[in-house]
Amino acid sequence: MIGINTDTDKAEYAAKAKEHELNWRDAWQGGPDGPIPSEWGIRMFPTNFVIDAEGRIRHRDVHGDKLERVVAELLAELSE
């Protein structure tokens, strides 16, 4: 999991990340118009992408049971 953070205040973001014991990599973007949100066309927050072993976006905005299912399917592809 990689987070793309769009907070505008980097010091405030860092304090929140420490307070909530963020345990994944996170890229601070300086706001919702930062480089990654702009490049990937992200307009709603949160947005998630499921990327396969080849680096292709396979799913966007899946949650709950569907997210678990698509991740399990992609992991199964690795063992084929």
Protein backbone atom coordinates (compact mmCIF):
# COMPACT_ATOMS: atom_id res chain seq x y z
CA MET A 1 0.00 0.00 0.00
CA ILE A 2 1.21 3.45 -0.89
CA GLY A 3 -0.58 6.59 0.25
CA ILE A 4 -0.76 9.81 -1.75
CA ASN A 5 -1.32 12.64 0.69
CA THR A 6 -2.87 15.92 -0.47
CA ASP A 7 -2.67 17.97 2.74
CA THR A 8 -1.36 21.45 2.01
CA ASP A 9 0.66 21.93 5.22
CA LYS A 10 3.59 19.49 5.30
CA ALA A 11 4.35 20.00 9.01
CA GLU A 12 0.71 19.36 9.94
CA TYR A 13 0.67 16.27 7.72
CA ALA A 14 3.86 14.94 9.36
CA ALA A 15 2.38 15.47 12.83
CA LYS A 16 -0.85 13.63 11.87
CA ALA A 17 1.12 10.77 10.32
CA LYS A 18 3.13 10.40 13.52
CA GLU A 19 0.04 10.68 15.75
CA HIS A 20 -1.81 7.98 13.79
CA GLU A 21 1.32 5.80 13.53
CA LEU A 22 1.18 5.66 9.74
CA ASN A 23 2.73 2.31 8.82
CA TRP A 24 2.90 2.50 5.02
CA ARG A 25 4.78 4.63 2.53
CA ASP A 26 3.09 7.93 1.82
CA ALA A 27 3.91 10.60 -0.76
CA TRP A 28 3.02 14.16 0.29
CA GLN A 29 1.75 16.14 -2.73
CA GLY A 30 1.23 19.63 -1.32
CA GLY A 31 -2.47 19.71 -2.21
CA PRO A 32 -5.07 18.06 -4.41
CA ASP A 33 -3.47 19.54 -7.54
CA GLY A 34 -0.09 17.94 -6.80
CA PRO A 35 1.78 15.94 -9.44
CA ILE A 36 0.36 12.47 -8.77
CA PRO A 37 -3.30 13.48 -8.31
CA SER A 38 -3.05 15.57 -11.49
CA GLU A 39 -1.32 12.86 -13.53
CA TRP A 40 -3.72 10.11 -12.41
CA GLY A 41 -6.90 12.21 -12.71
CA ILE A 42 -7.81 11.95 -9.03
CA ARG A 43 -10.76 14.21 -8.24
CA MET A 44 -12.36 12.46 -5.22
CA PHE A 45 -10.80 11.56 -1.91
CA PRO A 46 -10.17 8.88 -0.98
CA THR A 47 -9.50 7.16 -4.30
CA ASN A 48 -7.83 3.77 -4.47
CA PHE A 49 -6.16 1.87 -7.28
CA VAL A 50 -5.31 -1.82 -7.37
CA ILE A 51 -2.18 -2.33 -9.44
CA ASP A 52 -1.02 -5.72 -10.69
CA ALA A 53 2.48 -7.22 -10.68
CA GLU A 54 3.12 -5.68 -14.13
CA GLY A 55 2.36 -2.18 -12.82
CA ARG A 56 -0.99 -1.90 -14.63
CA ILE A 57 -4.02 -0.35 -12.95
CA ARG A 58 -6.53 -3.19 -12.81
CA HIS A 59 -9.20 -1.66 -10.57
CA ARG A 60 -10.17 1.77 -9.29
CA ASP A 61 -12.32 2.64 -6.28
CA VAL A 62 -13.09 -0.86 -5.07
CA HIS A 63 -13.86 -1.35 -1.38
CA GLY A 64 -14.86 -3.96 1.18
CA ASP A 65 -15.57 -7.47 -0.06
CA LYS A 66 -14.89 -6.55 -3.68
CA LEU A 67 -11.46 -5.17 -2.77
CA GLU A 68 -10.62 -8.37 -0.91
CA ARG A 69 -11.77 -10.44 -3.89
CA VAL A 70 -9.79 -8.55 -6.54
CA VAL A 71 -6.62 -8.60 -4.42
CA ALA A 72 -7.04 -12.35 -3.88
CA GLU A 73 -7.48 -12.83 -7.65
CA LEU A 74 -4.31 -10.87 -8.40
CA LEU A 75 -2.34 -12.81 -5.79
CA ALA A 76 -3.60 -16.06 -7.34
CA GLU A 77 -2.31 -14.89 -10.74
CA LEU A 78 1.19 -14.67 -9.24
CA SER A 79 1.20 -18.39 -8.50
CA GLU A 80 0.01 -19.45 -11.98
